[in-house]
Amino acid sequence: MSLPHLVDQAAAVAAVLAELDVHRDEPVLITLSDGPGFGDLFAGAVDQDALPLVVSPLLSASELAFARRQEPGWCWPRQIS
């Protein structure tokens, strides 16, 4: 991956987050394993001034829900439908 490619992809991700009305310091949950696309998503969230929260893609929805109930003070993302 080249730097110009990463910059372009991060800008595209940031544009989508802006369309979804993600604001500064708002958490964005990333459940993607390391590999192609991860850097784009992480950099795009940072470019949008959002807070990227990286969790294992191996966690199930029930495990994420359990973690959310156990740590309500954490900065959990809002659900976008």
PDB file of N, CA and C in Angstrom:
ATOM      1  N   MET A   1       0.850  -1.169   0.000  1.00  0.00           N
ATOM      2  CA  MET A   1       0.000   0.000   0.000  1.00  0.00           C
ATOM      3  C   MET A   1       0.898   1.235   0.000  1.00  0.00           C
ATOM      4  N   SER A   2       0.583   2.150  -0.854  1.00  0.00           N
ATOM      5  CA  SER A   2       1.351   3.391  -0.914  1.00  0.00           C
ATOM      6  C   SER A   2       0.684   4.457  -0.049  1.00  0.00           C
ATOM      7  N   LEU A   3       1.469   5.436   0.331  1.00  0.00           N
ATOM      8  CA  LEU A   3       0.926   6.526   1.147  1.00  0.00           C
ATOM      9  C   LEU A   3      -0.182   7.285   0.425  1.00  0.00           C
ATOM     10  N   PRO A   4      -0.024   7.613  -0.875  1.00  0.00           N
ATOM     11  CA  PRO A   4      -1.120   8.301  -1.563  1.00  0.00           C
ATOM     12  C   PRO A   4      -2.418   7.472  -1.580  1.00  0.00           C
ATOM     13  N   HIS A   5      -2.277   6.145  -1.700  1.00  0.00           N
ATOM     14  CA  HIS A   5      -3.471   5.284  -1.675  1.00  0.00           C
ATOM     15  C   HIS A   5      -4.143   5.347  -0.305  1.00  0.00           C
ATOM     16  N   LEU A   6      -3.334   5.254   0.768  1.00  0.00           N
ATOM     17  CA  LEU A   6      -3.888   5.330   2.121  1.00  0.00           C
ATOM     18  C   LEU A   6      -4.587   6.664   2.352  1.00  0.00           C
ATOM     19  N   VAL A   7      -3.987   7.744   1.900  1.00  0.00           N
ATOM     20  CA  VAL A   7      -4.583   9.074   2.073  1.00  0.00           C
ATOM     21  C   VAL A   7      -5.925   9.150   1.341  1.00  0.00           C
ATOM     22  N   ASP A   8      -5.969   8.621   0.129  1.00  0.00           N
ATOM     23  CA  ASP A   8      -7.222   8.638  -0.650  1.00  0.00           C
ATOM     24  C   ASP A   8      -8.299   7.792   0.021  1.00  0.00           C
ATOM     25  N   GLN A   9      -7.934   6.598   0.457  1.00  0.00           N
ATOM     26  CA  GLN A   9      -8.909   5.712   1.089  1.00  0.00           C
ATOM     27  C   GLN A   9      -9.386   6.278   2.425  1.00  0.00           C
ATOM     28  N   ALA A  10      -8.478   6.853   3.199  1.00  0.00           N
ATOM     29  CA  ALA A  10      -8.858   7.452   4.480  1.00  0.00           C
ATOM     30  C   ALA A  10      -9.816   8.612   4.260  1.00  0.00           C
ATOM     31  N   ALA A  11      -9.569   9.403   3.225  1.00  0.00           N
ATOM     32  CA  ALA A  11     -10.479  10.519   2.912  1.00  0.00           C
ATOM     33  C   ALA A  11     -11.852   9.995   2.526  1.00  0.00           C
ATOM     34  N   ALA A  12     -11.896   8.874   1.795  1.00  0.00           N
ATOM     35  CA  ALA A  12     -13.184   8.287   1.409  1.00  0.00           C
ATOM     36  C   ALA A  12     -13.940   7.789   2.636  1.00  0.00           C
ATOM     37  N   VAL A  13     -13.235   7.140   3.563  1.00  0.00           N
ATOM     38  CA  VAL A  13     -13.867   6.670   4.800  1.00  0.00           C
ATOM     39  C   VAL A  13     -14.356   7.862   5.617  1.00  0.00           C
ATOM     40  N   ALA A  14     -13.543   8.899   5.727  1.00  0.00           N
ATOM     41  CA  ALA A  14     -13.936  10.090   6.482  1.00  0.00           C
ATOM     42  C   ALA A  14     -15.187  10.725   5.873  1.00  0.00           C
ATOM     43  N   ALA A  15     -15.281  10.715   4.548  1.00  0.00           N
ATOM     44  CA  ALA A  15     -16.463  11.281   3.881  1.00  0.00           C
ATOM     45  C   ALA A  15     -17.717  10.479   4.218  1.00  0.00           C
ATOM     46  N   VAL A  16     -17.596   9.165   4.248  1.00  0.00           N
ATOM     47  CA  VAL A  16     -18.744   8.323   4.605  1.00  0.00           C
ATOM     48  C   VAL A  16     -19.148   8.573   6.056  1.00  0.00           C
ATOM     49  N   LEU A  17     -18.162   8.662   6.950  1.00  0.00           N
ATOM     50  CA  LEU A  17     -18.483   8.945   8.350  1.00  0.00           C
ATOM     51  C   LEU A  17     -19.164  10.303   8.499  1.00  0.00           C
ATOM     52  N   ALA A  18     -18.741  11.278   7.710  1.00  0.00           N
ATOM     53  CA  ALA A  18     -19.385  12.597   7.744  1.00  0.00           C
ATOM     54  C   ALA A  18     -20.828  12.493   7.256  1.00  0.00           C
ATOM     55  N   GLU A  19     -21.063  11.694   6.211  1.00  0.00           N
ATOM     56  CA  GLU A  19     -22.431  11.485   5.719  1.00  0.00           C
ATOM     57  C   GLU A  19     -23.304  10.818   6.772  1.00  0.00           C
ATOM     58  N   LEU A  20     -22.682   9.975   7.599  1.00  0.00           N
ATOM     59  CA  LEU A  20     -23.414   9.302   8.678  1.00  0.00           C
ATOM     60  C   LEU A  20     -23.522  10.167   9.921  1.00  0.00           C
ATOM     61  N   ASP A  21     -23.051  11.408   9.829  1.00  0.00           N
ATOM     62  CA  ASP A  21     -23.139  12.391  10.904  1.00  0.00           C
ATOM     63  C   ASP A  21     -22.315  11.998  12.132  1.00  0.00           C
ATOM     64  N   VAL A  22     -21.155  11.399  11.893  1.00  0.00           N
ATOM     65  CA  VAL A  22     -20.227  11.085  12.977  1.00  0.00           C
ATOM     66  C   VAL A  22     -19.441  12.353  13.280  1.00  0.00           C
ATOM     67  N   HIS A  23     -19.440  12.738  14.548  1.00  0.00           N
ATOM     68  CA  HIS A  23     -18.831  13.995  14.964  1.00  0.00           C
ATOM     69  C   HIS A  23     -17.476  13.791  15.634  1.00  0.00           C
ATOM     70  N   ARG A  24     -16.818  14.888  15.907  1.00  0.00           N
ATOM     71  CA  ARG A  24     -15.514  14.892  16.589  1.00  0.00           C
ATOM     72  C   ARG A  24     -15.619  14.151  17.928  1.00  0.00           C
ATOM     73  N   ASP A  25     -14.641  13.323  18.191  1.00  0.00           N
ATOM     74  CA  ASP A  25     -14.531  12.530  19.426  1.00  0.00           C
ATOM     75  C   ASP A  25     -15.638  11.503  19.595  1.00  0.00           C
ATOM     76  N   GLU A  26     -16.442  11.278  18.569  1.00  0.00           N
ATOM     77  CA  GLU A  26     -17.467  10.244  18.654  1.00  0.00           C
ATOM     78  C   GLU A  26     -16.826   8.893  18.332  1.00  0.00           C
ATOM     79  N   PRO A  27     -17.118   7.856  19.117  1.00  0.00           N
ATOM     80  CA  PRO A  27     -16.479   6.572  18.891  1.00  0.00           C
ATOM     81  C   PRO A  27     -16.982   5.879  17.625  1.00  0.00           C
ATOM     82  N   VAL A  28     -16.062   5.202  16.961  1.00  0.00           N
ATOM     83  CA  VAL A  28     -16.374   4.389  15.788  1.00  0.00           C
ATOM     84  C   VAL A  28     -15.813   2.998  16.057  1.00  0.00           C
ATOM     85  N   LEU A  29     -16.688   2.000  16.102  1.00  0.00           N
ATOM     86  CA  LEU A  29     -16.281   0.638  16.405  1.00  0.00           C
ATOM     87  C   LEU A  29     -15.745  -0.029  15.147  1.00  0.00           C
ATOM     88  N   ILE A  30     -14.514  -0.531  15.212  1.00  0.00           N
ATOM     89  CA  ILE A  30     -13.891  -1.224  14.088  1.00  0.00           C
ATOM     90  C   ILE A  30     -13.689  -2.673  14.501  1.00  0.00           C
ATOM     91  N   THR A  31     -14.366  -3.583  13.813  1.00  0.00           N
ATOM     92  CA  THR A  31     -14.257  -5.012  14.112  1.00  0.00           C
ATOM     93  C   THR A  31     -13.689  -5.735  12.899  1.00  0.00           C
ATOM     94  N   LEU A  32     -12.583  -5.256  12.423  1.00  0.00           N
ATOM     95  CA  LEU A  32     -11.940  -5.808  11.230  1.00  0.00           C
ATOM     96  C   LEU A  32     -10.566  -6.311  11.630  1.00  0.00           C
ATOM     97  N   SER A  33     -10.210  -7.502  11.140  1.00  0.00           N
ATOM     98  CA  SER A  33      -8.889  -8.029  11.466  1.00  0.00           C
ATOM     99  C   SER A  33      -7.811  -7.229  10.744  1.00  0.00           C
ATOM    100  N   ASP A  34      -6.578  -7.363  11.241  1.00  0.00           N
ATOM    101  CA  ASP A  34      -5.458  -6.706  10.580  1.00  0.00           C
ATOM    102  C   ASP A  34      -5.386  -7.210   9.141  1.00  0.00           C
ATOM    103  N   GLY A  35      -5.155  -6.316   8.241  1.00  0.00           N
ATOM    104  CA  GLY A  35      -5.050  -6.686   6.841  1.00  0.00           C
ATOM    105  C   GLY A  35      -5.541  -5.555   5.972  1.00  0.00           C
ATOM    106  N   PRO A  36      -5.748  -5.848   4.706  1.00  0.00           N
ATOM    107  CA  PRO A  36      -6.208  -4.793   3.797  1.00  0.00           C
ATOM    108  C   PRO A  36      -7.502  -4.159   4.298  1.00  0.00           C
ATOM    109  N   GLY A  37      -7.524  -2.890   4.307  1.00  0.00           N
ATOM    110  CA  GLY A  37      -8.720  -2.171   4.723  1.00  0.00           C
ATOM    111  C   GLY A  37      -8.665  -1.659   6.148  1.00  0.00           C
ATOM    112  N   PHE A  38      -7.933  -2.348   7.024  1.00  0.00           N
ATOM    113  CA  PHE A  38      -7.895  -1.923   8.422  1.00  0.00           C
ATOM    114  C   PHE A  38      -7.287  -0.526   8.543  1.00  0.00           C
ATOM    115  N   GLY A  39      -6.152  -0.326   7.916  1.00  0.00           N
ATOM    116  CA  GLY A  39      -5.489   0.975   7.984  1.00  0.00           C
ATOM    117  C   GLY A  39      -6.346   2.079   7.395  1.00  0.00           C
ATOM    118  N   ASP A  40      -7.060   1.764   6.317  1.00  0.00           N
ATOM    119  CA  ASP A  40      -7.949   2.745   5.693  1.00  0.00           C
ATOM    120  C   ASP A  40      -9.039   3.191   6.661  1.00  0.00           C
ATOM    121  N   LEU A  41      -9.657   2.207   7.330  1.00  0.00           N
ATOM    122  CA  LEU A  41     -10.741   2.530   8.267  1.00  0.00           C
ATOM    123  C   LEU A  41     -10.233   3.302   9.481  1.00  0.00           C
ATOM    124  N   PHE A  42      -9.119   2.842  10.027  1.00  0.00           N
ATOM    125  CA  PHE A  42      -8.571   3.503  11.207  1.00  0.00           C
ATOM    126  C   PHE A  42      -8.168   4.941  10.869  1.00  0.00           C
ATOM    127  N   ALA A  43      -7.420   5.109   9.759  1.00  0.00           N
ATOM    128  CA  ALA A  43      -6.975   6.444   9.364  1.00  0.00           C
ATOM    129  C   ALA A  43      -8.155   7.337   8.997  1.00  0.00           C
ATOM    130  N   GLY A  44      -9.189   6.760   8.388  1.00  0.00           N
ATOM    131  CA  GLY A  44     -10.373   7.542   8.037  1.00  0.00           C
ATOM    132  C   GLY A  44     -11.106   8.042   9.272  1.00  0.00           C
ATOM    133  N   ALA A  45     -11.187   7.196  10.307  1.00  0.00           N
ATOM    134  CA  ALA A  45     -11.827   7.624  11.553  1.00  0.00           C
ATOM    135  C   ALA A  45     -11.023   8.745  12.200  1.00  0.00           C
ATOM    136  N   VAL A  46      -9.702   8.610  12.187  1.00  0.00           N
ATOM    137  CA  VAL A  46      -8.848   9.655  12.747  1.00  0.00           C
ATOM    138  C   VAL A  46      -8.974  10.931  11.931  1.00  0.00           C
ATOM    139  N   ASP A  47      -9.026  10.792  10.595  1.00  0.00           N
ATOM    140  CA  ASP A  47      -9.163  11.946   9.710  1.00  0.00           C
ATOM    141  C   ASP A  47     -10.465  12.708   9.981  1.00  0.00           C
ATOM    142  N   GLN A  48     -11.502  11.980  10.390  1.00  0.00           N
ATOM    143  CA  GLN A  48     -12.801  12.591  10.702  1.00  0.00           C
ATOM    144  C   GLN A  48     -12.819  13.128  12.127  1.00  0.00           C
ATOM    145  N   ASP A  49     -11.701  12.993  12.848  1.00  0.00           N
ATOM    146  CA  ASP A  49     -11.583  13.381  14.259  1.00  0.00           C
ATOM    147  C   ASP A  49     -12.474  12.546  15.163  1.00  0.00           C
ATOM    148  N   ALA A  50     -12.824  11.358  14.699  1.00  0.00           N
ATOM    149  CA  ALA A  50     -13.591  10.427  15.517  1.00  0.00           C
ATOM    150  C   ALA A  50     -12.616   9.619  16.375  1.00  0.00           C
ATOM    151  N   LEU A  51     -13.155   8.791  17.238  1.00  0.00           N
ATOM    152  CA  LEU A  51     -12.362   7.968  18.139  1.00  0.00           C
ATOM    153  C   LEU A  51     -12.480   6.507  17.699  1.00  0.00           C
ATOM    154  N   PRO A  52     -11.468   5.973  16.999  1.00  0.00           N
ATOM    155  CA  PRO A  52     -11.573   4.579  16.557  1.00  0.00           C
ATOM    156  C   PRO A  52     -11.434   3.621  17.737  1.00  0.00           C
ATOM    157  N   LEU A  53     -12.410   2.737  17.893  1.00  0.00           N
ATOM    158  CA  LEU A  53     -12.369   1.692  18.923  1.00  0.00           C
ATOM    159  C   LEU A  53     -12.184   0.364  18.201  1.00  0.00           C
ATOM    160  N   VAL A  54     -11.047  -0.250  18.417  1.00  0.00           N
ATOM    161  CA  VAL A  54     -10.713  -1.490  17.719  1.00  0.00           C
ATOM    162  C   VAL A  54     -10.982  -2.671  18.647  1.00  0.00           C
ATOM    163  N   VAL A  55     -11.813  -3.599  18.175  1.00  0.00           N
ATOM    164  CA  VAL A  55     -12.099  -4.819  18.928  1.00  0.00           C
ATOM    165  C   VAL A  55     -11.905  -6.020  18.009  1.00  0.00           C
ATOM    166  N   SER A  56     -11.723  -7.149  18.601  1.00  0.00           N
ATOM    167  CA  SER A  56     -11.499  -8.370  17.841  1.00  0.00           C
ATOM    168  C   SER A  56     -12.727  -8.716  17.005  1.00  0.00           C
ATOM    169  N   PRO A  57     -12.518  -9.061  15.726  1.00  0.00           N
ATOM    170  CA  PRO A  57     -13.652  -9.481  14.910  1.00  0.00           C
ATOM    171  C   PRO A  57     -14.162 -10.863  15.310  1.00  0.00           C
ATOM    172  N   LEU A  58     -13.444 -11.531  16.189  1.00  0.00           N
ATOM    173  CA  LEU A  58     -13.872 -12.855  16.643  1.00  0.00           C
ATOM    174  C   LEU A  58     -14.908 -12.782  17.750  1.00  0.00           C
ATOM    175  N   LEU A  59     -15.121 -11.604  18.318  1.00  0.00           N
ATOM    176  CA  LEU A  59     -16.140 -11.455  19.356  1.00  0.00           C
ATOM    177  C   LEU A  59     -17.527 -11.531  18.736  1.00  0.00           C
ATOM    178  N   SER A  60     -18.407 -12.217  19.429  1.00  0.00           N
ATOM    179  CA  SER A  60     -19.793 -12.303  18.962  1.00  0.00           C
ATOM    180  C   SER A  60     -20.562 -11.065  19.417  1.00  0.00           C
ATOM    181  N   ALA A  61     -21.729 -10.885  18.855  1.00  0.00           N
ATOM    182  CA  ALA A  61     -22.577  -9.758  19.248  1.00  0.00           C
ATOM    183  C   ALA A  61     -22.929  -9.847  20.731  1.00  0.00           C
ATOM    184  N   SER A  62     -23.170 -11.059  21.214  1.00  0.00           N
ATOM    185  CA  SER A  62     -23.518 -11.208  22.637  1.00  0.00           C
ATOM    186  C   SER A  62     -22.325 -10.874  23.535  1.00  0.00           C
ATOM    187  N   GLU A  63     -21.103 -11.178  23.091  1.00  0.00           N
ATOM    188  CA  GLU A  63     -19.923 -10.825  23.879  1.00  0.00           C
ATOM    189  C   GLU A  63     -19.719  -9.314  23.911  1.00  0.00           C
ATOM    190  N   LEU A  64     -19.953  -8.658  22.791  1.00  0.00           N
ATOM    191  CA  LEU A  64     -19.863  -7.198  22.766  1.00  0.00           C
ATOM    192  C   LEU A  64     -20.935  -6.571  23.652  1.00  0.00           C
ATOM    193  N   ALA A  65     -22.149  -7.120  23.594  1.00  0.00           N
ATOM    194  CA  ALA A  65     -23.232  -6.605  24.442  1.00  0.00           C
ATOM    195  C   ALA A  65     -22.907  -6.811  25.916  1.00  0.00           C
ATOM    196  N   PHE A  66     -22.317  -7.954  26.253  1.00  0.00           N
ATOM    197  CA  PHE A  66     -21.918  -8.217  27.637  1.00  0.00           C
ATOM    198  C   PHE A  66     -20.878  -7.195  28.087  1.00  0.00           C
ATOM    199  N   ALA A  67     -19.879  -6.946  27.240  1.00  0.00           N
ATOM    200  CA  ALA A  67     -18.843  -5.970  27.584  1.00  0.00           C
ATOM    201  C   ALA A  67     -19.439  -4.588  27.774  1.00  0.00           C
ATOM    202  N   ARG A  68     -20.399  -4.259  26.951  1.00  0.00           N
ATOM    203  CA  ARG A  68     -21.045  -2.941  27.073  1.00  0.00           C
ATOM    204  C   ARG A  68     -21.788  -2.815  28.396  1.00  0.00           C
ATOM    205  N   ARG A  69     -22.460  -3.893  28.815  1.00  0.00           N
ATOM    206  CA  ARG A  69     -23.179  -3.860  30.096  1.00  0.00           C
ATOM    207  C   ARG A  69     -22.205  -3.781  31.269  1.00  0.00           C
ATOM    208  N   GLN A  70     -21.051  -4.431  31.153  1.00  0.00           N
ATOM    209  CA  GLN A  70     -20.078  -4.450  32.239  1.00  0.00           C
ATOM    210  C   GLN A  70     -19.333  -3.127  32.371  1.00  0.00           C
ATOM    211  N   GLU A  71     -19.160  -2.418  31.283  1.00  0.00           N
ATOM    212  CA  GLU A  71     -18.400  -1.160  31.271  1.00  0.00           C
ATOM    213  C   GLU A  71     -19.251  -0.030  30.690  1.00  0.00           C
ATOM    214  N   PRO A  72     -20.326   0.364  31.364  1.00  0.00           N
ATOM    215  CA  PRO A  72     -21.200   1.399  30.806  1.00  0.00           C
ATOM    216  C   PRO A  72     -20.525   2.761  30.698  1.00  0.00           C
ATOM    217  N   GLY A  73     -19.445   2.974  31.436  1.00  0.00           N
ATOM    218  CA  GLY A  73     -18.753   4.251  31.374  1.00  0.00           C
ATOM    219  C   GLY A  73     -17.862   4.394  30.155  1.00  0.00           C
ATOM    220  N   TRP A  74     -17.631   3.289  29.464  1.00  0.00           N
ATOM    221  CA  TRP A  74     -16.805   3.360  28.263  1.00  0.00           C
ATOM    222  C   TRP A  74     -17.511   4.190  27.217  1.00  0.00           C
ATOM    223  N   CYS A  75     -16.765   4.650  26.293  1.00  0.00           N
ATOM    224  CA  CYS A  75     -17.287   5.489  25.211  1.00  0.00           C
ATOM    225  C   CYS A  75     -17.771   4.598  24.069  1.00  0.00           C
ATOM    226  N   TRP A  76     -18.943   3.999  24.234  1.00  0.00           N
ATOM    227  CA  TRP A  76     -19.471   3.074  23.221  1.00  0.00           C
ATOM    228  C   TRP A  76     -20.105   3.854  22.072  1.00  0.00           C
ATOM    229  N   PRO A  77     -19.949   3.364  20.848  1.00  0.00           N
ATOM    230  CA  PRO A  77     -20.552   4.045  19.700  1.00  0.00           C
ATOM    231  C   PRO A  77     -22.071   3.963  19.722  1.00  0.00           C
ATOM    232  N   ARG A  78     -22.690   4.964  19.137  1.00  0.00           N
ATOM    233  CA  ARG A  78     -24.142   4.890  18.954  1.00  0.00           C
ATOM    234  C   ARG A  78     -24.398   3.969  17.770  1.00  0.00           C
ATOM    235  N   GLN A  79     -25.572   3.403  17.715  1.00  0.00           N
ATOM    236  CA  GLN A  79     -25.917   2.514  16.605  1.00  0.00           C
ATOM    237  C   GLN A  79     -26.428   3.343  15.445  1.00  0.00           C
ATOM    238  N   ILE A  80     -25.866   3.085  14.271  1.00  0.00           N
ATOM    239  CA  ILE A  80     -26.319   3.747  13.054  1.00  0.00           C
ATOM    240  C   ILE A  80     -27.083   2.751  12.221  1.00  0.00           C
ATOM    241  N   SER A  81     -28.325   3.053  11.915  1.00  0.00           N
ATOM    242  CA  SER A  81     -29.117   2.097  11.139  1.00  0.00           C
ATOM    243  C   SER A  81     -29.269   2.548   9.717  1.00  0.00           C
TER     244      SER A  81
END
